[in-house]
Amino acid sequence: MKRLLAVFPLIFLLACQRPEVEAFKRNPAPVAITFEVPATVPAGPEVAKEYAAALRARMATRTMVVPEGVKAPENAAELRVKITGWRGEGSKPSPGAVGAITGVAVGTLSALAGNRDAVFDGFFWGMWAGSQTAAARDREARLGYQPQRVDAQVALYRAGDPEPLLAFAVEPYEVIDAMDPLGRADREDEFRIREEEAKAFARVVVFKIQERFNWLPLAKPSWYGVKAGEARDEDEFPEPAKVPEPPKAPEPPAPPETPEKS
């Protein structure tokens, strides 16, 4: 009985695996990426284009991706990304204020519900809210710049199947944790900051997809419709031009032969 209980979670996990998900995991179709950004986002088309480009480049290191402007094949899968939240700097309440407000609110509601531990509930949840606010400020402080807070919904669909193979949410703290600090010269450059935000978003999305399908990194990015011989290493890193050797100096003429004496 104990052995059965030990293997039951594994049996349950295997039984819940959808066959179409496992089939796509073993033999994935080319993936086309679509991006949807709310109209309220400033420079929405530029944001969508940059985020989609970063996601395609990152995704191509795991599986075949349809490049922008290339017609996708009939069996292509579709990765739909929808930005649901886009918040800038805004106000920054102190962790102490957040903790105090949360603690009082939770404690009051707990007391009205007749809970004897209302004071403890308020203290616990106030401490938790304050620590979360402090952690969020620390995440942004290490970057040296103010990032956007992005919420998104991501779903991967197989061709002709309305049920997604995989669906998940992207939280702002996940993207901020994946960002890299910038140098002093780039901290005020909004285009450089947005580039780093797009790359961090792509890291989070591809990590979650890779975690589900267990795809290993490819030796080279894989693009649909691009032949293997077209993307060469020497095209990205051309060899330096060879410097022609200087012409050799002409050899001096041989001295004339003197006739032998008779």
Protein backbone atom coordinates (compact mmCIF):
# COMPACT_ATOMS: atom_id res chain seq x y z
CA MET A 1 0.00 0.00 0.00
CA LYS A 2 2.81 2.39 0.84
CA ARG A 3 4.45 1.73 -2.53
CA LEU A 4 1.18 2.49 -4.30
CA LEU A 5 0.83 5.79 -2.44
CA ALA A 6 4.41 6.69 -3.33
CA VAL A 7 3.92 6.24 -7.07
CA PHE A 8 0.36 7.58 -7.19
CA PRO A 9 1.41 11.22 -7.89
CA LEU A 10 3.52 10.06 -10.84
CA ILE A 11 0.67 7.93 -12.20
CA PHE A 12 -1.74 10.87 -11.82
CA LEU A 13 0.68 13.21 -13.61
CA LEU A 14 1.17 10.86 -16.54
CA ALA A 15 -2.56 10.22 -16.82
CA CYS A 16 -3.27 13.96 -17.02
CA GLN A 17 -0.87 14.54 -19.93
CA ARG A 18 -2.80 15.49 -23.05
CA PRO A 19 -1.71 13.47 -26.10
CA GLU A 20 -1.63 16.54 -28.36
CA VAL A 21 0.66 18.31 -25.91
CA GLU A 22 3.04 15.37 -25.83
CA ALA A 23 2.94 15.12 -29.63
CA PHE A 24 3.84 18.80 -29.98
CA LYS A 25 6.59 18.37 -27.41
CA ARG A 26 8.22 15.60 -29.47
CA ASN A 27 7.59 17.10 -32.92
CA PRO A 28 6.88 20.85 -32.67
CA ALA A 29 5.51 22.76 -35.64
CA PRO A 30 6.90 26.17 -36.62
CA VAL A 31 5.67 28.86 -34.23
CA ALA A 32 4.20 32.18 -35.39
CA ILE A 33 4.10 34.94 -32.76
CA THR A 34 1.36 37.56 -32.50
CA PHE A 35 1.40 40.48 -30.08
CA GLU A 36 -1.54 42.54 -28.83
CA VAL A 37 -0.97 45.79 -26.95
CA PRO A 38 -3.78 47.99 -25.54
CA ALA A 39 -4.43 51.29 -27.25
CA THR A 40 -3.69 53.08 -23.97
CA VAL A 41 -0.01 52.12 -24.13
CA PRO A 42 2.13 55.04 -25.39
CA ALA A 43 3.77 54.20 -28.74
CA GLY A 44 1.83 50.92 -28.76
CA PRO A 45 2.78 49.77 -32.31
CA GLU A 46 6.49 50.35 -31.64
CA VAL A 47 6.25 48.52 -28.31
CA ALA A 48 4.47 45.56 -29.91
CA LYS A 49 7.03 45.37 -32.72
CA GLU A 50 10.05 45.50 -30.39
CA TYR A 51 8.63 43.01 -27.89
CA ALA A 52 7.62 40.60 -30.67
CA ALA A 53 11.07 40.82 -32.28
CA ALA A 54 12.81 40.06 -28.97
CA LEU A 55 10.46 37.15 -28.33
CA ARG A 56 11.02 35.69 -31.80
CA ALA A 57 14.79 35.92 -31.41
CA ARG A 58 14.67 34.21 -28.01
CA MET A 59 12.14 31.59 -29.08
CA ALA A 60 14.21 30.66 -32.14
CA THR A 61 16.95 29.40 -29.82
CA ARG A 62 14.54 26.66 -28.64
CA THR A 63 12.38 25.76 -31.65
CA MET A 64 11.62 26.83 -35.22
CA VAL A 65 9.99 30.27 -35.48
CA VAL A 66 8.26 31.99 -38.39
CA PRO A 67 10.11 35.28 -39.10
CA GLU A 68 8.24 38.56 -39.37
CA GLY A 69 6.79 39.09 -42.85
CA VAL A 70 7.03 35.38 -43.81
CA LYS A 71 3.79 33.50 -44.52
CA ALA A 72 3.33 30.79 -41.92
CA PRO A 73 2.69 27.19 -43.06
CA GLU A 74 -0.74 25.62 -42.59
CA ASN A 75 0.39 23.48 -39.69
CA ALA A 76 2.07 26.36 -37.85
CA ALA A 77 1.36 26.87 -34.17
CA GLU A 78 0.53 30.34 -32.87
CA LEU A 79 1.91 31.97 -29.75
CA ARG A 80 -0.54 34.71 -28.76
CA VAL A 81 0.70 37.36 -26.35
CA LYS A 82 -1.72 39.91 -24.93
CA ILE A 83 -0.48 42.76 -22.75
CA THR A 84 -3.12 43.31 -20.06
CA GLY A 85 -1.32 45.87 -17.91
CA TRP A 86 1.25 48.61 -18.54
CA ARG A 87 2.12 50.86 -15.64
CA GLY A 88 4.85 53.42 -15.29
CA GLU A 89 6.54 54.93 -12.29
CA GLY A 90 3.50 56.39 -10.49
CA SER A 91 3.51 56.93 -6.76
CA LYS A 92 5.85 55.01 -4.48
CA PRO A 93 4.33 54.49 -1.01
CA SER A 94 6.77 53.52 1.70
CA PRO A 95 6.80 49.91 2.93
CA GLY A 96 5.87 51.11 6.42
CA ALA A 97 2.78 52.93 5.16
CA VAL A 98 1.67 49.94 3.09
CA GLY A 99 2.17 47.60 6.05
CA ALA A 100 0.28 49.86 8.45
CA ILE A 101 -2.70 50.37 6.12
CA THR A 102 -2.90 46.66 5.29
CA GLY A 103 -2.56 45.60 8.93
CA VAL A 104 -5.31 47.93 10.12
CA ALA A 105 -7.66 46.87 7.32
CA VAL A 106 -7.12 43.14 7.82
CA GLY A 107 -7.30 43.42 11.61
CA THR A 108 -10.56 45.38 11.45
CA LEU A 109 -12.19 42.90 9.08
CA SER A 110 -10.98 39.98 11.19
CA ALA A 111 -12.40 41.56 14.37
CA LEU A 112 -15.76 42.21 12.68
CA ALA A 113 -15.84 38.55 11.67
CA GLY A 114 -15.48 37.58 15.34
CA ASN A 115 -11.94 36.24 15.12
CA ARG A 116 -10.14 36.23 18.44
CA ASP A 117 -6.76 36.54 16.70
CA ALA A 118 -7.67 39.74 14.87
CA VAL A 119 -4.65 41.60 16.22
CA PHE A 120 -2.31 38.82 15.13
CA ASP A 121 -3.93 38.66 11.67
CA GLY A 122 -3.49 42.39 11.19
CA PHE A 123 0.11 42.27 12.37
CA PHE A 124 0.99 39.28 10.16
CA TRP A 125 -0.57 40.60 6.95
CA GLY A 126 0.77 44.09 7.58
CA MET A 127 4.29 42.73 7.90
CA TRP A 128 3.84 40.65 4.76
CA ALA A 129 2.55 43.58 2.67
CA GLY A 130 5.35 45.83 3.91
CA SER A 131 8.03 43.26 3.11
CA GLN A 132 6.63 42.72 -0.39
CA THR A 133 6.68 46.46 -1.06
CA ALA A 134 10.26 46.72 0.18
CA ALA A 135 11.31 43.77 -1.99
CA ALA A 136 9.72 45.39 -5.05
CA ARG A 137 11.63 48.63 -4.44
CA ASP A 138 14.88 46.69 -4.03
CA ARG A 139 14.31 44.95 -7.38
CA GLU A 140 14.03 48.27 -9.17
CA ALA A 141 16.84 49.95 -7.23
CA ARG A 142 19.43 47.42 -8.43
CA LEU A 143 18.62 48.27 -12.08
CA GLY A 144 19.49 51.95 -11.88
CA TYR A 145 16.43 52.93 -13.93
CA GLN A 146 12.64 52.88 -13.62
CA PRO A 147 11.14 49.96 -15.59
CA GLN A 148 7.59 49.49 -16.79
CA ARG A 149 5.36 47.07 -14.89
CA VAL A 150 4.00 44.66 -17.49
CA ASP A 151 1.19 42.14 -17.07
CA ALA A 152 0.46 39.72 -19.89
CA GLN A 153 -1.47 36.60 -20.85
CA VAL A 154 0.31 34.08 -23.09
CA ALA A 155 -1.21 31.08 -24.88
CA LEU A 156 0.19 28.59 -27.39
CA TYR A 157 -2.31 27.19 -29.91
CA ARG A 158 -1.96 24.30 -32.30
CA ALA A 159 -3.27 24.75 -35.85
CA GLY A 160 -7.02 24.05 -35.97
CA ASP A 161 -7.34 23.48 -32.21
CA PRO A 162 -9.28 26.08 -30.16
CA GLU A 163 -7.91 24.62 -26.92
CA PRO A 164 -4.46 26.04 -26.07
CA LEU A 165 -1.58 23.65 -25.57
CA LEU A 166 -0.24 25.94 -22.86
CA ALA A 167 -1.50 29.11 -21.18
CA PHE A 168 0.03 31.19 -18.42
CA ALA A 169 0.27 34.70 -17.02
CA VAL A 170 3.34 36.93 -16.81
CA GLU A 171 3.60 39.05 -13.66
CA PRO A 172 5.48 42.37 -13.41
CA TYR A 173 7.91 41.14 -10.75
CA GLU A 174 8.95 38.23 -13.00
CA VAL A 175 9.94 40.59 -15.81
CA ILE A 176 11.72 43.02 -13.48
CA ASP A 177 13.70 40.17 -11.90
CA ALA A 178 14.83 39.09 -15.40
CA MET A 179 16.12 42.57 -16.33
CA ASP A 180 19.79 43.48 -16.30
CA PRO A 181 21.18 46.75 -14.88
CA LEU A 182 22.24 49.40 -17.35
CA GLY A 183 25.28 51.62 -17.35
CA ARG A 184 25.06 55.28 -16.45
CA ALA A 185 25.07 56.31 -20.10
CA ASP A 186 21.96 54.20 -20.87
CA ARG A 187 19.84 54.81 -17.77
CA GLU A 188 18.19 57.89 -19.29
CA ASP A 189 17.78 56.40 -22.78
CA GLU A 190 14.14 55.34 -23.08
CA PHE A 191 14.82 53.26 -26.19
CA ARG A 192 17.64 51.34 -24.49
CA ILE A 193 15.44 50.77 -21.43
CA ARG A 194 12.59 49.48 -23.58
CA GLU A 195 14.99 47.15 -25.38
CA GLU A 196 16.07 45.65 -22.06
CA GLU A 197 12.44 45.36 -20.96
CA ALA A 198 11.57 43.49 -24.17
CA LYS A 199 14.50 41.10 -23.75
CA ALA A 200 13.56 40.40 -20.13
CA PHE A 201 9.95 39.75 -21.12
CA ALA A 202 11.15 37.29 -23.78
CA ARG A 203 13.35 35.51 -21.22
CA VAL A 204 10.39 34.97 -18.91
CA VAL A 205 8.03 33.72 -21.65
CA VAL A 206 10.53 31.34 -23.23
CA PHE A 207 11.60 30.01 -19.82
CA LYS A 208 8.00 29.06 -18.99
CA ILE A 209 7.50 27.40 -22.37
CA GLN A 210 10.80 25.56 -22.12
CA GLU A 211 9.90 24.43 -18.61
CA ARG A 212 6.72 22.82 -19.95
CA PHE A 213 8.10 21.17 -23.08
CA ASN A 214 11.66 20.49 -21.85
CA TRP A 215 13.22 21.86 -25.04
CA LEU A 216 16.98 22.15 -25.02
CA PRO A 217 18.80 25.19 -26.44
CA LEU A 218 19.67 24.86 -30.11
CA ALA A 219 23.16 25.25 -31.48
CA LYS A 220 21.87 27.97 -33.85
CA PRO A 221 18.57 29.87 -34.05
CA SER A 222 16.01 28.05 -36.21
CA TRP A 223 13.89 30.12 -38.63
CA TYR A 224 11.15 28.82 -40.93
CA GLY A 225 11.88 29.43 -44.59
CA VAL A 226 15.58 30.15 -44.03
CA LYS A 227 17.91 27.59 -45.53
CA ALA A 228 20.77 26.27 -43.49
CA GLY A 229 23.35 27.74 -45.87
CA GLU A 230 21.87 31.25 -45.74
CA ALA A 231 22.59 31.96 -42.07
CA ARG A 232 26.32 31.45 -41.77
CA ASP A 233 28.66 32.38 -38.98
CA GLU A 234 31.00 34.12 -41.37
CA ASP A 235 28.15 36.42 -42.44
CA GLU A 236 27.70 37.65 -38.86
CA PHE A 237 31.41 37.79 -38.08
CA PRO A 238 33.22 38.34 -41.39
CA GLU A 239 36.89 37.58 -41.53
CA PRO A 240 39.14 40.64 -41.69
CA ALA A 241 40.30 41.58 -45.15
CA LYS A 242 43.67 40.21 -46.03
CA VAL A 243 46.35 42.85 -46.43
CA PRO A 244 48.12 42.36 -49.77
CA GLU A 245 51.77 41.58 -49.46
CA PRO A 246 54.13 44.31 -50.76
CA PRO A 247 55.69 43.50 -54.14
CA LYS A 248 59.11 42.00 -53.92
CA ALA A 249 62.03 44.18 -55.07
CA PRO A 250 63.51 43.04 -58.42
CA GLU A 251 66.71 41.09 -58.11
CA PRO A 252 69.83 42.98 -59.32
CA PRO A 253 71.07 41.92 -62.77
CA ALA A 254 73.90 39.41 -62.87
CA PRO A 255 77.33 40.89 -63.75
CA PRO A 256 78.46 40.25 -67.33
CA GLU A 257 80.73 37.30 -67.82
CA THR A 258 84.37 38.18 -68.65
CA PRO A 259 85.91 36.27 -71.57
CA GLU A 260 88.61 33.78 -70.64
CA LYS A 261 92.19 34.74 -71.55
CA SER A 262 93.76 32.66 -74.30
